[in-house]
């Protein structure tokens, strides 16, 4: 199947080709025709399935070719839970609209940066706006924009937005928009809370589910190493250096752990930077850009900061600490093995985390292979052999 067979225009197909994609992913095959038809959509798609293009491409087509006058009201609103995801989605909108004439105007707004430059940019109007809920409401409160002409609403990673407590903000935003609009809800899972939200938001939606709930990507090799807590950094350093890993996304459970690990890796001559909620937006953006460009080997992240990280060929993900919520394991390792490529997900599991590992295995319905490296074995009576 080709992108043109889905009903997309030649300019959009050309932009997709420029981006290096030749055939649509399953979520794109199912979602694009539904969105082009104008129907509401409830879609279950995890990170890395191509869902962003699945909704940005048909939105660009639906809004193109219509003169809306000089005011340029917001006609498509894409809500995301985090700044990083908002930036990634906005980047996709710009990338895929490059050949459209006249070109639709798009922008992105989120917190953590000054609001005045965003207000100035919005003065000229914008067709497609990607936003985080809190900053969007701030801008509405400052009369920097109105939402009374929104034709298409996207809730991206809706499950994460609910987890982060955005439901009140979302309710306020919904009240500011016309009732007659197209609604698109994307979530990693169809939980009870998501179905409840969908019932109040969507009108006779098409339903698309392209992945089994809480199933790890099949092309991601998963391996766990039993290791004492105080030897994790030594093992991680050994894995990176002995295997010559050049691009590694490492997850920690806390901001403090992310900072401490970053310092230890740099001391071991492994270039690393951390991203988490205490970092400024400019620092987070800069670190992510350096990581994507290959200027640093390791990006150490907390779960919240890592939402929206989209790196096409990321080869390695490491769980330095297992997540508190087992479902986050699936989100974490979904950063690698994208678009049919292989990936490796490594977990460093201390004795205190054995029960968490069992919960993860129960969730994904599979045993994770146990790895062993000479000098880093753990026994019941001996936490670490000398290396």
Protein backbone atom coordinates (compact mmCIF):
# COMPACT_ATOMS: atom_id res chain seq x y z
CA UNK A 1 0.00 0.00 0.00
CA UNK A 2 1.22 3.51 -0.84
CA UNK A 3 0.52 6.90 0.76
CA UNK A 4 -1.18 8.11 -2.42
CA UNK A 5 -3.61 5.16 -2.27
CA UNK A 6 -4.85 6.48 1.08
CA UNK A 7 -6.21 9.59 -0.64
CA UNK A 8 -3.41 12.00 0.21
CA UNK A 9 -2.49 14.78 -2.20
CA UNK A 10 0.62 14.72 -4.37
CA UNK A 11 2.27 17.50 -2.31
CA UNK A 12 1.85 15.54 0.92
CA UNK A 13 3.04 12.29 -0.66
CA UNK A 14 6.13 14.15 -1.89
CA UNK A 15 6.82 15.50 1.60
CA UNK A 16 6.51 12.01 3.07
CA UNK A 17 8.92 10.69 0.44
CA UNK A 18 11.36 13.52 1.24
CA UNK A 19 11.25 12.38 4.87
CA UNK A 20 12.35 8.90 3.78
CA UNK A 21 9.08 6.96 4.14
CA UNK A 22 7.85 4.74 1.32
CA UNK A 23 4.86 2.88 2.74
CA UNK A 24 2.36 3.70 5.50
CA UNK A 25 2.41 1.97 8.89
CA UNK A 26 -0.69 0.08 10.08
CA UNK A 27 -1.96 3.04 12.14
CA UNK A 28 -1.51 5.33 9.14
CA UNK A 29 -3.30 2.89 6.83
CA UNK A 30 -6.32 2.82 9.12
CA UNK A 31 -6.41 6.35 10.54
CA UNK A 32 -5.72 8.51 7.50
CA UNK A 33 -8.83 7.54 5.46
CA UNK A 34 -11.04 7.92 8.56
CA UNK A 35 -9.71 11.40 9.32
CA UNK A 36 -9.98 12.46 5.68
CA UNK A 37 -13.65 11.43 5.76
CA UNK A 38 -14.31 13.81 8.65
CA UNK A 39 -15.27 11.15 11.20
CA UNK A 40 -14.27 11.18 14.85
CA UNK A 41 -11.59 8.64 15.74
CA UNK A 42 -10.57 6.65 18.81
CA UNK A 43 -7.15 5.13 18.18
CA UNK A 44 -4.91 2.93 20.30
CA UNK A 45 -1.34 3.40 19.13
CA UNK A 46 1.84 3.37 21.12
CA UNK A 47 4.82 5.65 20.60
CA UNK A 48 6.83 4.65 17.55
CA UNK A 49 3.93 3.39 15.43
CA UNK A 50 3.83 6.44 13.16
CA UNK A 51 0.72 7.90 14.78
CA UNK A 52 1.90 11.52 14.48
CA UNK A 53 1.99 11.35 10.69
CA UNK A 54 -1.26 9.39 10.96
CA UNK A 55 -3.09 12.52 12.08
CA UNK A 56 -0.92 15.43 10.84
CA UNK A 57 -1.05 14.37 7.17
CA UNK A 58 -4.86 14.19 6.86
CA UNK A 59 -5.27 17.38 8.94
CA UNK A 60 -2.99 19.24 6.54
CA UNK A 61 -5.04 17.97 3.61
CA UNK A 62 -8.41 18.78 5.20
CA UNK A 63 -7.40 22.37 5.97
CA UNK A 64 -5.60 23.11 2.69
CA UNK A 65 -7.00 25.08 -0.19
CA UNK A 66 -9.54 27.13 1.75
CA UNK A 67 -9.27 30.89 2.16
CA UNK A 68 -10.07 31.87 5.76
CA UNK A 69 -9.13 35.52 5.42
CA UNK A 70 -6.35 37.52 7.05
CA UNK A 71 -7.29 36.68 10.63
CA UNK A 72 -6.16 33.04 10.43
CA UNK A 73 -8.10 31.60 13.36
CA UNK A 74 -6.94 28.35 14.99
CA UNK A 75 -8.62 25.66 12.89
CA UNK A 76 -6.79 22.58 14.18
CA UNK A 77 -5.70 22.18 17.80
CA UNK A 78 -3.34 19.38 18.85
CA UNK A 79 -3.04 18.90 22.62
CA UNK A 80 -0.09 16.96 24.03
CA UNK A 81 0.92 16.17 27.63
CA UNK A 82 4.54 17.38 27.49
CA UNK A 83 6.68 20.08 25.97
CA UNK A 84 8.91 17.58 24.18
CA UNK A 85 6.00 15.84 22.50
CA UNK A 86 4.48 19.19 21.51
CA UNK A 87 7.76 20.19 19.86
CA UNK A 88 7.99 16.85 18.02
CA UNK A 89 4.43 17.09 16.69
CA UNK A 90 4.92 20.69 15.58
CA UNK A 91 8.10 19.65 13.79
CA UNK A 92 6.12 17.00 11.89
CA UNK A 93 3.47 19.53 10.87
CA UNK A 94 6.12 21.80 9.38
CA UNK A 95 7.95 18.92 7.70
CA UNK A 96 4.87 17.54 5.95
CA UNK A 97 3.47 20.93 4.89
CA UNK A 98 6.64 22.02 3.11
CA UNK A 99 5.25 21.63 -0.46
CA UNK A 100 1.74 22.93 0.20
CA UNK A 101 0.75 26.17 -1.50
CA UNK A 102 -0.47 28.36 0.00
CA UNK A 103 1.31 26.95 3.02
CA UNK A 104 -0.67 26.57 6.21
CA UNK A 105 0.69 28.47 9.18
CA UNK A 106 1.53 26.38 12.23
CA UNK A 107 3.01 27.05 15.65
CA UNK A 108 3.65 25.40 19.01
CA UNK A 109 3.20 26.75 22.56
CA UNK A 110 4.17 25.23 25.90
CA UNK A 111 5.23 26.25 29.37
CA UNK A 112 8.74 26.53 30.75
CA UNK A 113 9.59 29.42 28.43
CA UNK A 114 8.53 33.09 28.36
CA UNK A 115 4.95 33.65 27.27
CA UNK A 116 5.41 37.05 25.59
CA UNK A 117 7.23 35.80 22.47
CA UNK A 118 4.47 33.22 22.01
CA UNK A 119 1.83 35.96 22.30
CA UNK A 120 3.64 38.04 19.69
CA UNK A 121 3.83 35.11 17.25
CA UNK A 122 0.14 34.33 17.64
CA UNK A 123 -0.88 37.89 16.73
CA UNK A 124 -0.59 37.03 13.05
CA UNK A 125 -2.93 34.07 13.45
CA UNK A 126 -2.22 30.37 13.06
CA UNK A 127 -4.03 27.55 11.25
CA UNK A 128 -2.62 24.58 13.21
CA UNK A 129 -1.61 24.99 16.85
CA UNK A 130 0.15 22.34 18.93
CA UNK A 131 -0.01 23.04 22.65
CA UNK A 132 0.25 21.74 26.19
CA UNK A 133 -2.98 22.37 28.14
CA UNK A 134 -1.67 24.71 30.83
CA UNK A 135 0.10 27.16 28.53
CA UNK A 136 -2.83 27.12 26.11
CA UNK A 137 -5.21 28.23 28.86
CA UNK A 138 -2.71 30.92 29.93
CA UNK A 139 -2.69 32.31 26.38
CA UNK A 140 -6.48 32.21 26.14
CA UNK A 141 -6.63 34.06 29.47
CA UNK A 142 -4.29 36.74 28.05
CA UNK A 143 -6.58 37.11 24.99
CA UNK A 144 -3.69 36.00 22.78
CA UNK A 145 -5.92 33.56 20.89
CA UNK A 146 -9.44 32.19 20.65
CA UNK A 147 -10.62 28.66 20.05
CA UNK A 148 -14.11 29.44 18.76
CA UNK A 149 -13.31 28.39 15.18
CA UNK A 150 -11.50 25.10 15.84
CA UNK A 151 -12.57 22.51 13.26
CA UNK A 152 -10.34 19.60 14.35
CA UNK A 153 -9.20 18.66 17.86
CA UNK A 154 -6.50 16.06 18.55
CA UNK A 155 -5.80 14.67 22.03
CA UNK A 156 -2.43 12.96 21.65
CA UNK A 157 -1.24 10.50 24.32
CA UNK A 158 -4.55 11.04 26.10
CA UNK A 159 -3.74 8.34 28.65
CA UNK A 160 -0.67 10.26 29.76
CA UNK A 161 -2.66 13.48 29.99
CA UNK A 162 -5.10 11.79 32.35
CA UNK A 163 -2.21 10.34 34.38
CA UNK A 164 -0.74 13.82 34.73
CA UNK A 165 -4.00 15.30 36.01
CA UNK A 166 -4.90 17.41 32.97
CA UNK A 167 -8.56 16.42 32.88
CA UNK A 168 -9.74 19.75 34.41
CA UNK A 169 -7.71 21.75 31.89
CA UNK A 170 -9.02 19.63 29.03
CA UNK A 171 -12.59 20.20 30.20
CA UNK A 172 -12.00 23.97 30.23
CA UNK A 173 -10.50 23.85 26.75
CA UNK A 174 -13.40 21.81 25.35
CA UNK A 175 -15.84 24.46 26.60
CA UNK A 176 -14.03 27.11 24.53
CA UNK A 177 -14.49 25.31 21.20
CA UNK A 178 -17.44 24.87 18.84
CA UNK A 179 -19.44 21.71 19.52
CA UNK A 180 -19.49 20.90 15.84
CA UNK A 181 -15.93 19.75 15.18
CA UNK A 182 -13.92 16.61 14.38
CA UNK A 183 -12.34 14.93 17.43
CA UNK A 184 -9.36 12.57 17.27
CA UNK A 185 -8.22 10.77 20.43
CA UNK A 186 -4.95 8.83 20.46
CA UNK A 187 -3.93 6.71 23.44
CA UNK A 188 -1.44 3.92 24.10
CA UNK A 189 -4.21 1.87 25.68
CA UNK A 190 -8.00 1.77 25.87
CA UNK A 191 -8.26 1.95 29.65
CA UNK A 192 -11.57 2.45 31.44
CA UNK A 193 -10.71 6.13 31.98
CA UNK A 194 -9.91 6.62 28.30
CA UNK A 195 -13.19 5.01 27.24
CA UNK A 196 -15.05 7.27 29.67
CA UNK A 197 -13.33 10.33 28.20
CA UNK A 198 -14.07 9.13 24.67
CA UNK A 199 -17.77 8.66 25.43
CA UNK A 200 -18.10 12.30 26.46
CA UNK A 201 -15.97 13.65 23.60
CA UNK A 202 -16.39 11.56 20.47
CA UNK A 203 -19.46 11.26 18.25
CA UNK A 204 -19.95 7.86 16.59
CA UNK A 205 -16.19 7.37 16.29
CA UNK A 206 -14.32 4.90 14.17
CA UNK A 207 -12.13 2.75 16.40
CA UNK A 208 -8.63 1.69 15.45
CA UNK A 209 -6.29 -0.50 17.47
CA UNK A 210 -2.99 -1.46 15.92
CA UNK A 211 -1.15 -3.01 18.84
CA UNK A 212 -2.00 -5.39 21.61
CA UNK A 213 -2.39 -3.51 24.88
CA UNK A 214 0.77 -3.51 26.98
CA UNK A 215 2.71 -5.58 24.45
CA UNK A 216 6.35 -4.73 23.88
CA UNK A 217 7.53 -4.28 20.29
CA UNK A 218 8.44 -7.63 18.76
CA UNK A 219 11.60 -6.33 17.11
CA UNK A 220 13.06 -5.10 20.40
CA UNK A 221 15.44 -7.56 22.04
CA UNK A 222 14.97 -7.43 25.81
CA UNK A 223 17.56 -8.48 28.34
CA UNK A 224 17.86 -8.05 32.10
CA UNK A 225 21.01 -8.13 34.22
CA UNK A 226 20.80 -8.92 37.93
CA UNK A 227 23.17 -6.50 39.62
CA UNK A 228 23.66 -4.96 43.03
CA UNK A 229 22.41 -1.38 43.27
CA UNK A 230 25.83 0.14 43.85
CA UNK A 231 27.35 -1.67 40.84
CA UNK A 232 24.83 -0.47 38.25
CA UNK A 233 26.95 2.43 37.03
CA UNK A 234 29.99 0.19 36.58
CA UNK A 235 27.95 -2.31 34.56
CA UNK A 236 26.36 0.41 32.43
CA UNK A 237 29.78 1.91 31.74
CA UNK A 238 31.11 -1.53 30.81
CA UNK A 239 28.21 -2.20 28.42
CA UNK A 240 28.59 1.16 26.67
CA UNK A 241 32.36 0.96 26.29
CA UNK A 242 32.79 -2.74 25.51
CA UNK A 243 30.02 -2.69 22.89
CA UNK A 244 30.90 0.76 21.56
CA UNK A 245 27.34 2.01 21.98
CA UNK A 246 27.04 5.46 20.41
CA UNK A 247 23.46 6.42 21.19
CA UNK A 248 21.88 5.26 24.45
CA UNK A 249 18.71 6.51 26.13
CA UNK A 250 18.89 5.71 29.86
CA UNK A 251 15.91 5.92 32.21
CA UNK A 252 16.09 6.69 35.92
CA UNK A 253 13.19 6.97 38.34
CA UNK A 254 14.11 10.35 39.84
CA UNK A 255 15.63 13.67 38.82
CA UNK A 256 18.33 13.30 41.45
CA UNK A 257 19.33 9.87 40.13
CA UNK A 258 19.47 11.26 36.58
CA UNK A 259 21.85 14.05 37.64
CA UNK A 260 24.06 11.73 39.69
CA UNK A 261 24.33 9.14 36.91
CA UNK A 262 25.12 11.82 34.32
CA UNK A 263 28.01 13.08 36.45
CA UNK A 264 29.40 9.54 36.87
CA UNK A 265 29.20 8.79 33.14
CA UNK A 266 30.97 12.01 32.22
CA UNK A 267 33.66 11.20 34.81
CA UNK A 268 34.10 7.86 33.00
CA UNK A 269 34.68 9.73 29.70
CA UNK A 270 31.20 8.90 28.36
CA UNK A 271 29.51 12.07 27.11
CA UNK A 272 26.09 12.37 28.77
CA UNK A 273 23.40 14.91 29.59
CA UNK A 274 20.22 14.68 31.65
CA UNK A 275 16.69 15.88 30.95
CA UNK A 276 14.02 16.14 33.62
CA UNK A 277 11.44 18.51 35.03
CA UNK A 278 13.94 20.65 36.94
CA UNK A 279 15.89 21.45 33.78
CA UNK A 280 14.93 24.59 31.87
CA UNK A 281 13.14 24.09 28.58
CA UNK A 282 16.12 25.47 26.66
CA UNK A 283 18.45 23.02 28.42
CA UNK A 284 16.13 20.09 27.65
CA UNK A 285 15.77 21.12 24.01
CA UNK A 286 19.53 21.58 23.64
CA UNK A 287 20.34 18.20 25.23
CA UNK A 288 17.84 16.40 23.00
CA UNK A 289 19.23 18.11 19.89
CA UNK A 290 22.80 17.12 20.81
CA UNK A 291 21.70 13.54 21.42
CA UNK A 292 19.88 13.33 18.09
CA UNK A 293 22.90 14.78 16.29
CA UNK A 294 25.24 12.26 17.93
CA UNK A 295 27.20 14.94 19.80
CA UNK A 296 26.58 13.14 23.10
CA UNK A 297 26.45 9.36 23.60
CA UNK A 298 23.97 9.11 26.46
CA UNK A 299 20.77 10.92 27.30
CA UNK A 300 19.62 10.25 30.86
CA UNK A 301 15.91 10.91 31.33
CA UNK A 302 13.02 10.56 33.72
CA UNK A 303 9.77 9.13 32.36
CA UNK A 304 7.98 12.46 32.23
CA UNK A 305 10.78 14.26 30.40
CA UNK A 306 11.15 11.43 27.89
CA UNK A 307 7.56 11.58 26.65
CA UNK A 308 7.65 12.68 23.03
CA UNK A 309 11.26 11.79 22.39
CA UNK A 310 11.14 10.55 18.82
CA UNK A 311 14.45 9.30 17.40
CA UNK A 312 14.02 7.26 14.25
CA UNK A 313 17.05 4.99 14.61
CA UNK A 314 17.61 4.85 18.37
CA UNK A 315 19.42 1.53 18.91
CA UNK A 316 19.65 1.22 22.71
CA UNK A 317 17.40 1.87 25.70
CA UNK A 318 18.54 1.12 29.24
CA UNK A 319 16.36 0.91 32.33
CA UNK A 320 18.90 1.97 34.94
CA UNK A 321 16.00 1.66 37.35
CA UNK A 322 12.75 -0.13 36.58
CA UNK A 323 9.73 2.18 36.46
CA UNK A 324 7.27 2.41 39.33
CA UNK A 325 4.39 1.71 36.96
CA UNK A 326 4.89 -1.44 34.88
CA UNK A 327 3.12 0.09 31.86
CA UNK A 328 5.89 2.70 31.66
CA UNK A 329 8.31 -0.13 30.82
CA UNK A 330 6.46 -0.60 27.53
CA UNK A 331 6.59 3.14 26.81
CA UNK A 332 10.30 3.24 27.61
CA UNK A 333 11.44 0.37 25.42
CA UNK A 334 9.12 1.58 22.65
CA UNK A 335 11.66 4.34 22.02
CA UNK A 336 13.78 1.80 20.13
CA UNK A 337 12.91 -0.75 17.44
CA UNK A 338 10.82 1.72 15.46
CA UNK A 339 9.60 1.52 11.89
CA UNK A 340 10.64 -2.13 11.56
CA UNK A 341 14.19 -1.59 12.79
CA UNK A 342 15.71 -3.71 15.51
CA UNK A 343 16.54 -2.38 18.95
CA UNK A 344 17.95 -3.48 22.28
CA UNK A 345 16.34 -2.78 25.66
CA UNK A 346 18.51 -3.51 28.69
CA UNK A 347 17.30 -3.49 32.31
CA UNK A 348 19.65 -3.33 35.30
CA UNK A 349 17.75 -5.07 38.08
CA UNK A 350 18.80 -4.93 41.73
CA UNK A 351 17.50 -7.41 44.27
CA UNK A 352 15.00 -4.81 45.50
CA UNK A 353 13.55 -4.62 41.97
CA UNK A 354 12.93 -8.33 41.43
CA UNK A 355 9.23 -8.01 42.23
CA UNK A 356 8.97 -5.05 39.81
CA UNK A 357 10.58 -7.19 37.11
CA UNK A 358 8.03 -9.96 37.73
CA UNK A 359 5.23 -7.39 37.38
CA UNK A 360 6.65 -6.22 34.06
CA UNK A 361 6.89 -9.81 32.79
CA UNK A 362 3.31 -10.44 33.88
CA UNK A 363 2.18 -7.30 32.04
CA UNK A 364 3.91 -8.11 28.75
CA UNK A 365 3.14 -11.81 29.02
CA UNK A 366 6.71 -12.94 28.50
CA UNK A 367 9.87 -13.74 30.40
CA UNK A 368 12.74 -11.32 29.87
CA UNK A 369 16.03 -13.05 29.07
CA UNK A 370 18.64 -12.94 31.82
CA UNK A 371 22.06 -11.70 30.76
CA UNK A 372 25.36 -12.54 32.41
CA UNK A 373 28.69 -10.78 32.16
CA UNK A 374 31.83 -12.10 33.80
CA UNK A 375 32.73 -10.01 36.81
CA UNK A 376 29.22 -8.67 37.25
CA UNK A 377 27.37 -11.71 38.55
CA UNK A 378 25.17 -11.49 41.63
CA UNK A 379 24.62 -14.42 43.95
CA UNK A 380 22.31 -14.80 46.93
CA UNK A 381 25.17 -14.28 49.39
CA UNK A 382 27.52 -12.12 47.39
CA UNK A 383 26.34 -8.91 45.81
CA UNK A 384 29.19 -8.37 43.34
CA UNK A 385 32.30 -10.20 42.29
CA UNK A 386 35.40 -8.17 41.78
CA UNK A 387 35.88 -7.11 38.20
